[in-house]
C-alpha atoms as a PDB file:
ATOM      1  CA  MET A   1     -36.564-227.583  75.068  1.00  0.00           C
ATOM      2  CA  ARG A   2     -37.358-225.048  72.357  1.00  0.00           C
ATOM      3  CA  PRO A   3     -40.769-225.097  70.659  1.00  0.00           C
ATOM      4  CA  ALA A   4     -40.067-226.400  67.135  1.00  0.00           C
ATOM      5  CA  ALA A   5     -43.342-224.916  65.782  1.00  0.00           C
ATOM      6  CA  SER A   6     -42.274-221.401  66.757  1.00  0.00           C
ATOM      7  CA  LEU A   7     -38.886-221.850  65.064  1.00  0.00           C
ATOM      8  CA  LEU A   8     -40.497-223.095  61.815  1.00  0.00           C
ATOM      9  CA  ILE A   9     -42.843-220.057  61.665  1.00  0.00           C
ATOM     10  CA  LEU A  10     -39.860-217.794  62.342  1.00  0.00           C
ATOM     11  CA  CYS A  11     -38.020-219.400  59.412  1.00  0.00           C
ATOM     12  CA  LEU A  12     -41.039-218.903  57.090  1.00  0.00           C
ATOM     13  CA  LEU A  13     -41.322-215.325  58.070  1.00  0.00           C
ATOM     14  CA  ALA A  14     -37.545-214.678  57.510  1.00  0.00           C
ATOM     15  CA  ALA A  15     -37.778-216.108  54.174  1.00  0.00           C
ATOM     16  CA  SER A  16     -41.005-214.272  53.052  1.00  0.00           C
ATOM     17  CA  GLY A  17     -39.973-210.784  54.306  1.00  0.00           C
ATOM     18  CA  GLY A  18     -43.227-210.290  56.286  1.00  0.00           C
ATOM     19  CA  PRO A  19     -44.300-206.852  57.515  1.00  0.00           C
ATOM     20  CA  ALA A  20     -42.845-205.396  60.641  1.00  0.00           C
ATOM     21  CA  LEU A  21     -45.661-205.516  63.007  1.00  0.00           C
ATOM     22  CA  ALA A  22     -45.776-205.563  66.910  1.00  0.00           C
ATOM     23  CA  GLY A  23     -45.874-209.104  67.894  1.00  0.00           C
ATOM     24  CA  GLU A  24     -45.109-211.833  70.407  1.00  0.00           C
ATOM     25  CA  THR A  25     -43.456-215.034  70.636  1.00  0.00           C
ATOM     26  CA  ALA A  26     -43.013-217.949  72.915  1.00  0.00           C
ATOM     27  CA  CYS A  27     -39.743-218.189  74.817  1.00  0.00           C
ATOM     28  CA  TRP A  28     -38.323-220.686  77.138  1.00  0.00           C
ATOM     29  CA  PHE A  29     -35.936-221.120  80.120  1.00  0.00           C
ATOM     30  CA  GLU A  30     -32.825-223.025  79.444  1.00  0.00           C
ATOM     31  CA  ASN A  31     -29.725-223.154  81.599  1.00  0.00           C
ATOM     32  CA  GLY A  32     -31.022-220.174  83.555  1.00  0.00           C
ATOM     33  CA  ALA A  33     -31.460-217.918  80.642  1.00  0.00           C
ATOM     34  CA  VAL A  34     -34.416-216.809  78.543  1.00  0.00           C
ATOM     35  CA  VAL A  35     -34.111-218.166  75.052  1.00  0.00           C
ATOM     36  CA  VAL A  36     -36.160-216.999  71.945  1.00  0.00           C
ATOM     37  CA  PRO A  37     -36.472-218.062  68.440  1.00  0.00           C
ATOM     38  CA  ALA A  38     -34.966-215.258  66.142  1.00  0.00           C
ATOM     39  CA  ALA A  39     -33.027-214.721  63.107  1.00  0.00           C
ATOM     40  CA  ILE A  40     -30.012-212.369  62.315  1.00  0.00           C
ATOM     41  CA  GLY A  41     -29.700-212.009  58.571  1.00  0.00           C
ATOM     42  CA  GLY A  42     -30.718-215.413  57.342  1.00  0.00           C
ATOM     43  CA  MET A  43     -29.448-217.236  60.392  1.00  0.00           C
ATOM     44  CA  ALA A  44     -32.533-218.589  62.301  1.00  0.00           C
ATOM     45  CA  GLY A  45     -32.252-220.454  65.499  1.00  0.00           C
ATOM     46  CA  ASP A  46     -32.063-220.164  69.302  1.00  0.00           C
ATOM     47  CA  TYR A  47     -30.779-216.824  70.740  1.00  0.00           C
ATOM     48  CA  VAL A  48     -30.271-215.778  74.279  1.00  0.00           C
ATOM     49  CA  LEU A  49     -32.402-212.765  75.198  1.00  0.00           C
ATOM     50  CA  ASP A  50     -30.177-210.494  77.192  1.00  0.00           C
ATOM     51  CA  LEU A  51     -31.356-206.989  78.379  1.00  0.00           C
ATOM     52  CA  SER A  52     -27.975-206.361  80.066  1.00  0.00           C
ATOM     53  CA  ALA A  53     -26.079-206.707  76.869  1.00  0.00           C
ATOM     54  CA  PRO A  54     -25.416-203.424  75.108  1.00  0.00           C
ATOM     55  CA  ARG A  55     -24.758-205.083  71.771  1.00  0.00           C
ATOM     56  CA  THR A  56     -26.380-207.880  69.703  1.00  0.00           C
ATOM     57  CA  LEU A  57     -23.891-210.681  69.132  1.00  0.00           C
ATOM     58  CA  LEU A  58     -23.576-213.478  66.524  1.00  0.00           C
ATOM     59  CA  HIS A  59     -21.695-216.717  67.145  1.00  0.00           C
ATOM     60  CA  GLU A  60     -18.609-216.574  64.708  1.00  0.00           C
ATOM     61  CA  THR A  61     -19.382-220.232  63.916  1.00  0.00           C
ATOM     62  CA  ALA A  62     -22.831-219.324  62.636  1.00  0.00           C
ATOM     63  CA  ALA A  63     -21.408-216.433  60.744  1.00  0.00           C
ATOM     64  CA  GLN A  64     -18.707-218.392  59.028  1.00  0.00           C
ATOM     65  CA  ARG A  65     -21.257-221.176  58.132  1.00  0.00           C
ATOM     66  CA  ALA A  66     -23.369-218.453  56.423  1.00  0.00           C
ATOM     67  CA  GLY A  67     -20.305-217.240  54.519  1.00  0.00           C
ATOM     68  CA  TYR A  68     -19.282-214.024  56.679  1.00  0.00           C
ATOM     69  CA  ALA A  69     -15.661-213.661  57.377  1.00  0.00           C
ATOM     70  CA  GLU A  70     -15.949-210.170  59.098  1.00  0.00           C
ATOM     71  CA  THR A  71     -16.339-209.460  62.726  1.00  0.00           C
ATOM     72  CA  ALA A  72     -18.572-206.395  62.277  1.00  0.00           C
ATOM     73  CA  LEU A  73     -21.687-206.997  60.166  1.00  0.00           C
ATOM     74  CA  THR A  74     -24.677-204.984  59.310  1.00  0.00           C
ATOM     75  CA  LEU A  75     -27.879-207.122  59.221  1.00  0.00           C
ATOM     76  CA  PRO A  76     -31.531-207.057  60.123  1.00  0.00           C
ATOM     77  CA  VAL A  77     -32.893-208.836  63.063  1.00  0.00           C
ATOM     78  CA  LEU A  78     -36.189-210.828  63.139  1.00  0.00           C
ATOM     79  CA  LEU A  79     -37.719-211.238  66.575  1.00  0.00           C
ATOM     80  CA  ALA A  80     -41.385-211.818  67.747  1.00  0.00           C
ATOM     81  CA  GLY A  81     -42.700-210.708  64.304  1.00  0.00           C
ATOM     82  CA  GLN A  82     -40.568-207.577  64.169  1.00  0.00           C
ATOM     83  CA  ARG A  83     -37.914-207.071  61.534  1.00  0.00           C
ATOM     84  CA  THR A  84     -35.478-204.237  62.231  1.00  0.00           C
ATOM     85  CA  ALA A  85     -33.663-202.307  59.565  1.00  0.00           C
ATOM     86  CA  PRO A  86     -30.183-203.536  58.957  1.00  0.00           C
ATOM     87  CA  GLY A  87     -27.949-202.539  61.913  1.00  0.00           C
ATOM     88  CA  PRO A  88     -24.594-203.379  63.648  1.00  0.00           C
ATOM     89  CA  VAL A  89     -24.018-207.028  64.734  1.00  0.00           C
ATOM     90  CA  THR A  90     -20.796-208.032  66.506  1.00  0.00           C
ATOM     91  CA  VAL A  91     -19.341-211.428  65.500  1.00  0.00           C
ATOM     92  CA  GLN A  92     -17.530-213.105  68.480  1.00  0.00           C
ATOM     93  CA  ASP A  93     -16.727-216.634  69.714  1.00  0.00           C
ATOM     94  CA  LEU A  94     -19.574-217.328  71.850  1.00  0.00           C
ATOM     95  CA  ASP A  95     -18.558-220.845  72.911  1.00  0.00           C
ATOM     96  CA  TYR A  96     -18.585-219.628  76.674  1.00  0.00           C
ATOM     97  CA  ARG A  97     -22.197-218.563  76.365  1.00  0.00           C
ATOM     98  CA  ASN A  98     -23.158-222.107  75.094  1.00  0.00           C
ATOM     99  CA  VAL A  99     -21.924-223.939  78.158  1.00  0.00           C
ATOM    100  CA  GLY A 100     -24.749-226.082  79.555  1.00  0.00           C
ATOM    101  CA  PHE A 101     -27.263-225.416  76.919  1.00  0.00           C
ATOM    102  CA  PHE A 102     -29.048-228.308  75.341  1.00  0.00           C
ATOM    103  CA  THR A 103     -29.161-226.871  71.821  1.00  0.00           C
ATOM    104  CA  PRO A 104     -26.647-224.514  70.305  1.00  0.00           C
ATOM    105  CA  ILE A 105     -26.992-220.892  70.936  1.00  0.00           C
ATOM    106  CA  LEU A 106     -26.471-218.798  67.655  1.00  0.00           C
ATOM    107  CA  GLY A 107     -26.191-215.448  69.354  1.00  0.00           C
ATOM    108  CA  VAL A 108     -27.313-212.847  71.873  1.00  0.00           C
ATOM    109  CA  ILE A 109     -30.186-210.454  71.219  1.00  0.00           C
ATOM    110  CA  GLY A 110     -29.223-207.269  73.271  1.00  0.00           C
ATOM    111  CA  ALA A 111     -30.387-203.947  74.329  1.00  0.00           C
ATOM    112  CA  ASP A 112     -29.523-202.179  71.078  1.00  0.00           C
ATOM    113  CA  ILE A 113     -32.507-204.187  69.472  1.00  0.00           C
ATOM    114  CA  LEU A 114     -34.811-204.486  72.557  1.00  0.00           C
ATOM    115  CA  GLY A 115     -34.474-200.852  73.280  1.00  0.00           C
ATOM    116  CA  ARG A 116     -36.439-200.027  70.119  1.00  0.00           C
ATOM    117  CA  TYR A 117     -39.643-201.493  71.571  1.00  0.00           C
ATOM    118  CA  VAL A 118     -41.762-201.702  74.736  1.00  0.00           C
ATOM    119  CA  VAL A 119     -40.805-205.004  76.103  1.00  0.00           C
ATOM    120  CA  THR A 120     -43.149-207.201  78.122  1.00  0.00           C
ATOM    121  CA  LEU A 121     -41.764-210.534  79.403  1.00  0.00           C
ATOM    122  CA  ASP A 122     -43.585-213.102  81.226  1.00  0.00           C
ATOM    123  CA  PHE A 123     -41.570-215.961  82.877  1.00  0.00           C
ATOM    124  CA  ALA A 124     -44.356-218.575  83.505  1.00  0.00           C
ATOM    125  CA  PRO A 125     -45.252-219.476  80.881  1.00  0.00           C
ATOM    126  CA  CYS A 126     -42.318-217.677  79.104  1.00  0.00           C
ATOM    127  CA  ARG A 127     -43.659-215.256  76.616  1.00  0.00           C
ATOM    128  CA  LEU A 128     -42.124-212.143  74.989  1.00  0.00           C
ATOM    129  CA  ASP A 129     -44.213-209.163  73.556  1.00  0.00           C
ATOM    130  CA  LEU A 130     -42.736-206.289  71.671  1.00  0.00           C
ATOM    131  CA  GLU A 131     -44.667-203.104  70.966  1.00  0.00           C
ATOM    132  CA  LEU A 132     -43.592-199.923  69.003  1.00  0.00           C
ATOM    133  CA  LEU A 133     -42.498-197.233  71.184  1.00  0.00           C
ATOM    134  CA  GLY A 134     -45.213-194.666  71.773  1.00  0.00           C
ATOM    135  CA  SER A 135     -47.945-197.082  70.646  1.00  0.00           C
ATOM    136  CA  ALA A 136     -48.586-198.902  73.979  1.00  0.00           C
ATOM    137  CA  GLY A 137     -50.641-198.047  76.943  1.00  0.00           C
ATOM    138  CA  ARG A 138     -49.149-197.909  80.464  1.00  0.00           C
ATOM    139  CA  PRO A 139     -49.971-200.235  83.324  1.00  0.00           C
ATOM    140  CA  ARG A 140     -51.451-198.853  86.442  1.00  0.00           C
ATOM    141  CA  GLY A 141     -48.938-197.614  89.062  1.00  0.00           C
ATOM    142  CA  ARG A 142     -45.894-195.452  88.881  1.00  0.00           C
ATOM    143  CA  GLY A 143     -43.386-198.042  87.913  1.00  0.00           C
ATOM    144  CA  LEU A 144     -39.597-197.814  88.580  1.00  0.00           C
ATOM    145  CA  GLY A 145     -37.534-195.053  87.044  1.00  0.00           C
ATOM    146  CA  VAL A 146     -35.177-196.337  84.328  1.00  0.00           C
ATOM    147  CA  THR A 147     -31.988-194.855  83.341  1.00  0.00           C
ATOM    148  CA  VAL A 148     -30.057-195.883  80.274  1.00  0.00           C
ATOM    149  CA  VAL A 149     -26.417-196.328  81.207  1.00  0.00           C
ATOM    150  CA  GLY A 150     -23.823-197.432  78.646  1.00  0.00           C
ATOM    151  CA  GLY A 151     -26.696-198.588  76.262  1.00  0.00           C
ATOM    152  CA  VAL A 152     -28.699-200.691  78.780  1.00  0.00           C
ATOM    153  CA  ALA A 153     -31.710-199.898  80.872  1.00  0.00           C
ATOM    154  CA  THR A 154     -30.978-199.751  84.617  1.00  0.00           C
ATOM    155  CA  VAL A 155     -32.998-199.360  87.798  1.00  0.00           C
ATOM    156  CA  GLN A 156     -31.798-198.323  91.323  1.00  0.00           C
ATOM    157  CA  ALA A 157     -31.086-201.232  93.745  1.00  0.00           C
ATOM    158  CA  ALA A 158     -28.678-201.757  96.688  1.00  0.00           C
ATOM    159  CA  ALA A 159     -26.598-204.777  97.683  1.00  0.00           C
ATOM    160  CA  SER A 160     -24.751-205.720 100.718  1.00  0.00           C
ATOM    161  CA  ASP A 161     -22.038-208.347 101.510  1.00  0.00           C
ATOM    162  CA  GLY A 162     -22.727-208.103 105.219  1.00  0.00           C
ATOM    163  CA  VAL A 163     -19.734-205.701 105.764  1.00  0.00           C
ATOM    164  CA  GLY A 164     -20.144-203.079 103.320  1.00  0.00           C
ATOM    165  CA  GLY A 165     -22.805-202.080 100.691  1.00  0.00           C
ATOM    166  CA  VAL A 166     -23.176-200.525  97.344  1.00  0.00           C
ATOM    167  CA  ALA A 167     -26.149-198.822  95.684  1.00  0.00           C
ATOM    168  CA  GLY A 168     -26.777-197.496  92.210  1.00  0.00           C
ATOM    169  CA  ALA A 169     -27.736-198.579  88.659  1.00  0.00           C
ATOM    170  CA  PHE A 170     -28.521-202.359  88.236  1.00  0.00           C
ATOM    171  CA  ALA A 171     -29.097-203.713  84.768  1.00  0.00           C
ATOM    172  CA  LEU A 172     -31.742-206.383  83.996  1.00  0.00           C
ATOM    173  CA  ASP A 173     -30.046-209.633  83.220  1.00  0.00           C
ATOM    174  CA  THR A 174     -32.386-212.254  81.588  1.00  0.00           C
ATOM    175  CA  ALA A 175     -29.511-214.557  80.804  1.00  0.00           C
ATOM    176  CA  SER A 176     -27.792-215.352  84.175  1.00  0.00           C
ATOM    177  CA  ASN A 177     -28.556-218.272  86.445  1.00  0.00           C
ATOM    178  CA  GLY A 178     -28.497-216.433  89.773  1.00  0.00           C
ATOM    179  CA  GLY A 179     -30.152-213.646  91.598  1.00  0.00           C
ATOM    180  CA  VAL A 180     -27.440-211.042  90.885  1.00  0.00           C
ATOM    181  CA  ARG A 181     -24.401-210.714  88.528  1.00  0.00           C
ATOM    182  CA  ALA A 182     -21.315-208.723  89.335  1.00  0.00           C
ATOM    183  CA  ARG A 183     -18.629-207.724  86.797  1.00  0.00           C
ATOM    184  CA  GLY A 184     -16.258-210.565  85.982  1.00  0.00           C
ATOM    185  CA  PRO A 185     -14.273-212.158  83.186  1.00  0.00           C
ATOM    186  CA  ALA A 186     -15.745-211.336  79.843  1.00  0.00           C
ATOM    187  CA  ASP A 187     -15.639-215.002  78.616  1.00  0.00           C
ATOM    188  CA  ALA A 188     -16.870-216.559  81.612  1.00  0.00           C
ATOM    189  CA  PRO A 189     -20.192-218.501  81.485  1.00  0.00           C
ATOM    190  CA  ARG A 190     -23.076-217.047  83.611  1.00  0.00           C
ATOM    191  CA  GLN A 191     -24.715-220.284  84.526  1.00  0.00           C
ATOM    192  CA  LYS A 192     -22.752-221.189  87.631  1.00  0.00           C
ATOM    193  CA  PRO A 193     -23.215-219.156  90.764  1.00  0.00           C
ATOM    194  CA  ALA A 194     -19.898-218.466  92.507  1.00  0.00           C
ATOM    195  CA  GLY A 195     -21.140-217.373  95.727  1.00  0.00           C
ATOM    196  CA  THR A 196     -24.042-215.873  97.797  1.00  0.00           C
ATOM    197  CA  LEU A 197     -24.967-212.248  98.223  1.00  0.00           C
ATOM    198  CA  PRO A 198     -26.314-211.747 101.834  1.00  0.00           C
ATOM    199  CA  ALA A 199     -28.826-208.830 100.925  1.00  0.00           C
ATOM    200  CA  LEU A 200     -30.352-207.081  97.868  1.00  0.00           C
ATOM    201  CA  SER A 201     -32.951-204.300  98.149  1.00  0.00           C
ATOM    202  CA  LEU A 202     -35.119-203.556  95.014  1.00  0.00           C
ATOM    203  CA  ASP A 203     -38.284-201.504  95.085  1.00  0.00           C
ATOM    204  CA  GLY A 204     -38.786-201.648  98.824  1.00  0.00           C
ATOM    205  CA  VAL A 205     -38.330-205.450  98.955  1.00  0.00           C
ATOM    206  CA  LEU A 206     -35.309-206.894 100.745  1.00  0.00           C
ATOM    207  CA  ARG A 207     -33.952-210.413  99.613  1.00  0.00           C
ATOM    208  CA  ARG A 208     -31.363-212.449 101.455  1.00  0.00           C
ATOM    209  CA  ASP A 209     -28.844-215.036 100.442  1.00  0.00           C
ATOM    210  CA  LEU A 210     -29.111-214.737  96.768  1.00  0.00           C
ATOM    211  CA  PRO A 211     -26.971-216.839  94.460  1.00  0.00           C
ATOM    212  CA  ALA A 212     -24.499-214.532  92.820  1.00  0.00           C
ATOM    213  CA  VAL A 213     -22.767-214.939  89.422  1.00  0.00           C
ATOM    214  CA  VAL A 214     -19.384-213.208  88.762  1.00  0.00           C
ATOM    215  CA  ALA A 215     -18.992-213.112  85.066  1.00  0.00           C
ATOM    216  CA  GLY A 216     -19.261-210.902  82.009  1.00  0.00           C
ATOM    217  CA  GLU A 217     -18.721-207.240  81.205  1.00  0.00           C
ATOM    218  CA  LEU A 218     -20.921-204.515  82.344  1.00  0.00           C
ATOM    219  CA  PRO A 219     -20.915-200.893  80.972  1.00  0.00           C
ATOM    220  CA  ASP A 220     -19.050-198.182  83.111  1.00  0.00           C
ATOM    221  CA  GLY A 221     -21.488-196.838  85.740  1.00  0.00           C
ATOM    222  CA  VAL A 222     -23.489-199.952  86.018  1.00  0.00           C
ATOM    223  CA  VAL A 223     -23.027-201.449  89.525  1.00  0.00           C
ATOM    224  CA  GLY A 224     -24.309-204.973  88.759  1.00  0.00           C
ATOM    225  CA  ALA A 225     -27.222-206.780  87.192  1.00  0.00           C
ATOM    226  CA  LEU A 226     -30.379-208.473  88.507  1.00  0.00           C
ATOM    227  CA  GLY A 227     -30.594-212.037  87.536  1.00  0.00           C
ATOM    228  CA  VAL A 228     -33.525-214.189  86.516  1.00  0.00           C
ATOM    229  CA  GLN A 229     -33.874-215.738  89.996  1.00  0.00           C
ATOM    230  CA  VAL A 230     -35.020-212.168  90.960  1.00  0.00           C
ATOM    231  CA  LEU A 231     -36.736-211.091  87.835  1.00  0.00           C
ATOM    232  CA  ALA A 232     -38.785-214.303  87.318  1.00  0.00           C
ATOM    233  CA  GLY A 233     -40.875-213.277  90.428  1.00  0.00           C
ATOM    234  CA  TYR A 234     -42.434-210.605  88.254  1.00  0.00           C
ATOM    235  CA  ARG A 235     -44.095-209.665  84.924  1.00  0.00           C
ATOM    236  CA  LEU A 236     -41.693-207.200  83.331  1.00  0.00           C
ATOM    237  CA  ARG A 237     -42.812-204.352  81.293  1.00  0.00           C
ATOM    238  CA  LEU A 238     -39.992-201.968  80.163  1.00  0.00           C
ATOM    239  CA  ASP A 239     -40.783-198.727  78.325  1.00  0.00           C
ATOM    240  CA  PRO A 240     -37.659-196.993  77.399  1.00  0.00           C
ATOM    241  CA  ALA A 241     -39.365-194.068  75.915  1.00  0.00           C
ATOM    242  CA  ALA A 242     -41.233-193.314  79.108  1.00  0.00           C
ATOM    243  CA  GLY A 243     -38.240-194.290  81.336  1.00  0.00           C
ATOM    244  CA  ARG A 244     -40.195-196.789  83.318  1.00  0.00           C
ATOM    245  CA  LEU A 245     -40.076-200.439  84.273  1.00  0.00           C
ATOM    246  CA  TRP A 246     -43.220-202.016  85.826  1.00  0.00           C
ATOM    247  CA  LEU A 247     -42.724-205.104  87.876  1.00  0.00           C
ATOM    248  CA  THR A 248     -45.959-207.033  88.553  1.00  0.00           C
ATOM    249  CA  PRO A 249     -45.360-209.659  91.158  1.00  0.00           C
ATOM    250  CA  VAL A 250     -46.347-213.172  90.173  1.00  0.00           C
ATOM    251  CA  ALA A 251     -48.456-215.013  92.757  1.00  0.00           C
ATOM    252  CA  GLY A 252     -46.472-217.319  94.867  1.00  0.00           C
ATOM    253  CA  HIS A 253     -43.135-215.769  93.864  1.00  0.00           C
ATOM    254  CA  GLU A 254     -43.010-212.334  95.354  1.00  0.00           C
ATOM    255  CA  LYS A 255     -42.852-213.550  98.980  1.00  0.00           C
ATOM    256  CA  GLY A 256     -40.711-216.361 100.560  1.00  0.00           C
ATOM    257  CA  PRO A 257     -38.735-217.399 103.621  1.00  0.00           C
ATOM    258  CA  ASP A 258     -35.846-215.020 102.483  1.00  0.00           C
ATOM    259  CA  VAL A 259     -37.850-212.130 101.285  1.00  0.00           C
ATOM    260  CA  SER A 260     -39.311-209.362 103.300  1.00  0.00           C
ATOM    261  CA  ALA A 261     -40.583-205.831 103.125  1.00  0.00           C
ATOM    262  CA  GLY A 262     -37.600-203.393 102.852  1.00  0.00           C
ATOM    263  CA  PRO A 263     -37.256-200.188 104.788  1.00  0.00           C
END
């Protein structure tokens, strides 16, 4: 359930035109996705946070209710105390992204917005921090190398179906209820796993028998996406300017019966 206080504060900030400072906001898990209070233009409400989405999307129902008839808009985004300059927002029918959510989802905050910041995401409790690029210190350790492919940040991983395998660039999907997501129908919901992936190797850790979602577009050159059932075992810190992703294991989540040290 979304925190009403956070949404109220967000609405007040949107109306007052507050300064764009680095900030943070509570988020929450719903239906296997990270959901945040945000506003596109004057449309404040619940938005899915999706690092694997190249573009920020607005539900056509919300756009029409606000008086917009176009499918391509130029609007500011307010998220975690940060207000962006007006930029491209794509209007789409997002009914398929609303499947299974308790409250209506107004849109998707994508990598075109999130890539402007150093993003830190904690999953338990859920919290999103945004820092201006170049202003943040770096955690200890080397982190994983990040390559932007088709507008989204990716890291190297490898997957196997037990017969063959594939390795390459995997996006970070904070909006799919599974361990991994493969390319599938653009309008299919991401909340119902369609099968099981026998093995996934990420940063020297081998995971077995992960629920797999087959839904949604991925940019050319992106092999697949890592879902929340993998990502929630870590604190994520993504610094696009540095080209690094730091994954800090959360106690009690990094090891389990189907997780082992990789080769």
